[in-house]
Amino acid sequence: MPNTYTQIYIQLVFATKGRENKIRSEFREEIEKYITGIFTNKEQKIIAIYLNPDHIHIFFQLQKFKNWYSRFGKGGEN
């Protein structure tokens, strides 16, 4: 089987309900660290993260895609 090299980048954007300004600036850094910790525990690499008062941007590289695909894509079939 030939070697396969895959890079998958995903941008997630989450908005607050009604796009209301709910994310206060004094908590922005703490929330960013919390979200980064979640991605780190899932062995994903965050390229960029930023919180605006009404939405969040997360740009990350999907790591270990082969393992993910074997669990969810084809159920481990070869």
N, C-alpha and C. Protein backbone atom coordinates (compact mmCIF):
# COMPACT_ATOMS: atom_id res chain seq x y z
N MET A 1 0.85 -1.17 0.00
CA MET A 1 0.00 0.00 0.00
C MET A 1 0.90 1.24 0.00
N PRO A 2 0.68 2.17 -0.91
CA PRO A 2 1.52 3.37 -0.94
C PRO A 2 1.26 4.26 0.28
N ASN A 3 2.26 5.07 0.58
CA ASN A 3 2.11 6.01 1.69
C ASN A 3 1.06 7.06 1.34
N THR A 4 0.32 7.45 2.33
CA THR A 4 -0.71 8.48 2.14
C THR A 4 -0.42 9.62 3.10
N TYR A 5 -0.48 10.82 2.57
CA TYR A 5 -0.27 12.02 3.39
C TYR A 5 -1.50 12.89 3.26
N THR A 6 -2.10 13.20 4.39
CA THR A 6 -3.33 13.99 4.38
C THR A 6 -3.20 15.15 5.35
N GLN A 7 -3.60 16.34 4.91
CA GLN A 7 -3.71 17.49 5.79
C GLN A 7 -5.12 18.04 5.62
N ILE A 8 -5.83 18.09 6.72
CA ILE A 8 -7.18 18.62 6.70
C ILE A 8 -7.27 19.76 7.70
N TYR A 9 -7.66 20.92 7.21
CA TYR A 9 -7.84 22.10 8.05
C TYR A 9 -9.33 22.42 8.10
N ILE A 10 -9.80 22.76 9.29
CA ILE A 10 -11.22 23.05 9.48
C ILE A 10 -11.35 24.38 10.22
N GLN A 11 -12.27 25.20 9.76
CA GLN A 11 -12.60 26.43 10.48
C GLN A 11 -14.00 26.29 11.05
N LEU A 12 -14.10 26.43 12.36
CA LEU A 12 -15.39 26.40 13.03
C LEU A 12 -15.75 27.81 13.47
N VAL A 13 -16.99 28.16 13.30
CA VAL A 13 -17.48 29.45 13.79
C VAL A 13 -18.74 29.18 14.59
N PHE A 14 -18.71 29.56 15.85
CA PHE A 14 -19.87 29.41 16.72
C PHE A 14 -20.38 30.80 17.04
N ALA A 15 -21.68 30.97 16.99
CA ALA A 15 -22.29 32.27 17.31
C ALA A 15 -23.17 32.12 18.54
N THR A 16 -23.27 33.20 19.29
CA THR A 16 -24.18 33.22 20.43
C THR A 16 -25.62 33.30 19.91
N LYS A 17 -26.54 32.91 20.75
CA LYS A 17 -27.95 32.95 20.35
C LYS A 17 -28.36 34.38 20.03
N GLY A 18 -28.90 34.55 18.84
CA GLY A 18 -29.33 35.87 18.42
C GLY A 18 -28.18 36.83 18.14
N ARG A 19 -26.95 36.29 18.07
CA ARG A 19 -25.74 37.10 17.86
C ARG A 19 -25.62 38.23 18.89
N GLU A 20 -26.11 37.93 20.10
CA GLU A 20 -26.01 38.92 21.18
C GLU A 20 -24.58 38.93 21.72
N ASN A 21 -24.12 40.07 22.17
CA ASN A 21 -22.77 40.23 22.73
C ASN A 21 -22.73 39.62 24.14
N LYS A 22 -22.46 38.33 24.19
CA LYS A 22 -22.45 37.61 25.47
C LYS A 22 -21.04 37.31 25.98
N ILE A 23 -20.05 37.35 25.10
CA ILE A 23 -18.69 37.00 25.49
C ILE A 23 -17.97 38.27 25.94
N ARG A 24 -17.76 38.37 27.24
CA ARG A 24 -17.16 39.58 27.81
C ARG A 24 -15.64 39.53 27.64
N SER A 25 -15.06 40.67 27.35
CA SER A 25 -13.62 40.75 27.05
C SER A 25 -12.76 40.27 28.22
N GLU A 26 -13.20 40.48 29.45
CA GLU A 26 -12.38 40.06 30.58
C GLU A 26 -12.31 38.53 30.73
N PHE A 27 -13.20 37.79 30.08
CA PHE A 27 -13.17 36.32 30.13
C PHE A 27 -12.65 35.70 28.84
N ARG A 28 -12.34 36.52 27.83
CA ARG A 28 -11.96 36.01 26.51
C ARG A 28 -10.74 35.08 26.58
N GLU A 29 -9.68 35.53 27.23
CA GLU A 29 -8.46 34.72 27.29
C GLU A 29 -8.69 33.40 28.03
N GLU A 30 -9.44 33.44 29.11
CA GLU A 30 -9.72 32.23 29.88
C GLU A 30 -10.54 31.23 29.06
N ILE A 31 -11.52 31.72 28.32
CA ILE A 31 -12.34 30.84 27.48
C ILE A 31 -11.51 30.25 26.35
N GLU A 32 -10.63 31.06 25.75
CA GLU A 32 -9.75 30.56 24.70
C GLU A 32 -8.86 29.44 25.23
N LYS A 33 -8.31 29.60 26.42
CA LYS A 33 -7.47 28.55 27.02
C LYS A 33 -8.29 27.29 27.28
N TYR A 34 -9.52 27.45 27.74
CA TYR A 34 -10.39 26.30 28.01
C TYR A 34 -10.66 25.52 26.73
N ILE A 35 -11.03 26.23 25.66
CA ILE A 35 -11.32 25.57 24.38
C ILE A 35 -10.06 24.91 23.83
N THR A 36 -8.92 25.59 23.94
CA THR A 36 -7.65 25.02 23.49
C THR A 36 -7.35 23.73 24.24
N GLY A 37 -7.63 23.70 25.54
CA GLY A 37 -7.43 22.48 26.33
C GLY A 37 -8.28 21.33 25.85
N ILE A 38 -9.51 21.61 25.46
CA ILE A 38 -10.39 20.56 24.94
C ILE A 38 -9.80 19.97 23.67
N PHE A 39 -9.36 20.83 22.76
CA PHE A 39 -8.78 20.36 21.50
C PHE A 39 -7.47 19.60 21.75
N THR A 40 -6.67 20.08 22.68
CA THR A 40 -5.41 19.41 23.01
C THR A 40 -5.67 18.02 23.57
N ASN A 41 -6.65 17.89 24.45
CA ASN A 41 -7.00 16.58 25.01
C ASN A 41 -7.52 15.62 23.94
N LYS A 42 -8.10 16.16 22.88
CA LYS A 42 -8.57 15.34 21.75
C LYS A 42 -7.48 15.14 20.70
N GLU A 43 -6.25 15.56 21.02
CA GLU A 43 -5.08 15.43 20.16
C GLU A 43 -5.26 16.15 18.82
N GLN A 44 -5.86 17.33 18.88
CA GLN A 44 -6.02 18.17 17.69
C GLN A 44 -5.14 19.41 17.85
N LYS A 45 -4.68 19.95 16.72
CA LYS A 45 -3.78 21.10 16.75
C LYS A 45 -4.53 22.36 16.33
N ILE A 46 -4.67 23.29 17.27
CA ILE A 46 -5.31 24.57 16.95
C ILE A 46 -4.29 25.48 16.29
N ILE A 47 -4.64 26.00 15.13
CA ILE A 47 -3.79 26.95 14.42
C ILE A 47 -4.10 28.37 14.92
N ALA A 48 -5.39 28.69 15.06
CA ALA A 48 -5.79 30.01 15.53
C ALA A 48 -7.14 29.90 16.23
N ILE A 49 -7.30 30.74 17.24
CA ILE A 49 -8.58 30.82 17.95
C ILE A 49 -8.78 32.28 18.35
N TYR A 50 -9.99 32.76 18.20
CA TYR A 50 -10.29 34.13 18.62
C TYR A 50 -11.77 34.24 18.99
N LEU A 51 -12.00 34.90 20.10
CA LEU A 51 -13.37 35.13 20.55
C LEU A 51 -13.75 36.57 20.32
N ASN A 52 -14.84 36.77 19.63
CA ASN A 52 -15.47 38.09 19.48
C ASN A 52 -16.63 38.14 20.47
N PRO A 53 -17.17 39.30 20.73
CA PRO A 53 -18.28 39.37 21.69
C PRO A 53 -19.50 38.53 21.30
N ASP A 54 -19.69 38.26 20.01
CA ASP A 54 -20.88 37.52 19.59
C ASP A 54 -20.59 36.23 18.83
N HIS A 55 -19.31 35.88 18.64
CA HIS A 55 -18.99 34.62 17.97
C HIS A 55 -17.54 34.22 18.23
N ILE A 56 -17.25 32.94 17.92
CA ILE A 56 -15.93 32.37 18.16
C ILE A 56 -15.42 31.77 16.85
N HIS A 57 -14.14 32.00 16.54
CA HIS A 57 -13.49 31.37 15.40
C HIS A 57 -12.46 30.39 15.93
N ILE A 58 -12.48 29.16 15.40
CA ILE A 58 -11.47 28.16 15.73
C ILE A 58 -10.99 27.57 14.41
N PHE A 59 -9.69 27.69 14.14
CA PHE A 59 -9.10 27.13 12.93
C PHE A 59 -8.12 26.07 13.40
N PHE A 60 -8.34 24.81 12.98
CA PHE A 60 -7.49 23.75 13.48
C PHE A 60 -7.17 22.74 12.39
N GLN A 61 -6.10 21.98 12.65
CA GLN A 61 -5.69 20.91 11.75
C GLN A 61 -6.19 19.60 12.34
N LEU A 62 -6.94 18.86 11.55
CA LEU A 62 -7.46 17.57 12.00
C LEU A 62 -6.31 16.57 12.03
N GLN A 63 -5.98 16.08 13.21
CA GLN A 63 -4.89 15.13 13.39
C GLN A 63 -5.44 13.70 13.41
N LYS A 64 -4.60 12.77 13.06
CA LYS A 64 -4.94 11.35 13.12
C LYS A 64 -6.24 11.05 12.39
N PHE A 65 -6.35 11.57 11.19
CA PHE A 65 -7.56 11.39 10.40
C PHE A 65 -7.82 9.91 10.12
N LYS A 66 -6.78 9.14 9.88
CA LYS A 66 -6.95 7.71 9.58
C LYS A 66 -7.64 7.00 10.73
N ASN A 67 -7.24 7.28 11.97
CA ASN A 67 -7.89 6.66 13.12
C ASN A 67 -9.34 7.09 13.24
N TRP A 68 -9.60 8.37 13.00
CA TRP A 68 -10.97 8.88 13.06
C TRP A 68 -11.81 8.22 11.98
N TYR A 69 -11.28 8.14 10.79
CA TYR A 69 -12.02 7.57 9.67
C TYR A 69 -12.32 6.10 9.91
N SER A 70 -11.37 5.37 10.47
CA SER A 70 -11.60 3.94 10.70
C SER A 70 -12.67 3.72 11.77
N ARG A 71 -12.81 4.65 12.70
CA ARG A 71 -13.84 4.51 13.74
C ARG A 71 -15.20 4.95 13.26
N PHE A 72 -15.25 6.02 12.48
CA PHE A 72 -16.55 6.60 12.10
C PHE A 72 -16.88 6.44 10.62
N GLY A 73 -15.87 6.41 9.76
CA GLY A 73 -16.11 6.38 8.33
C GLY A 73 -16.60 5.02 7.83
N LYS A 74 -15.74 4.03 7.89
CA LYS A 74 -16.10 2.72 7.38
C LYS A 74 -16.15 1.66 8.48
N GLY A 75 -16.05 2.08 9.69
CA GLY A 75 -16.13 1.12 10.79
C GLY A 75 -14.94 0.19 10.90
N GLY A 76 -13.78 0.61 10.38
CA GLY A 76 -12.57 -0.20 10.52
C GLY A 76 -12.33 -1.17 9.38
N GLU A 77 -13.15 -1.15 8.34
CA GLU A 77 -12.94 -2.05 7.21
C GLU A 77 -11.73 -1.60 6.41
N ASN A 78 -11.04 -2.55 5.77
CA ASN A 78 -9.89 -2.23 4.91
C ASN A 78 -10.29 -2.18 3.48
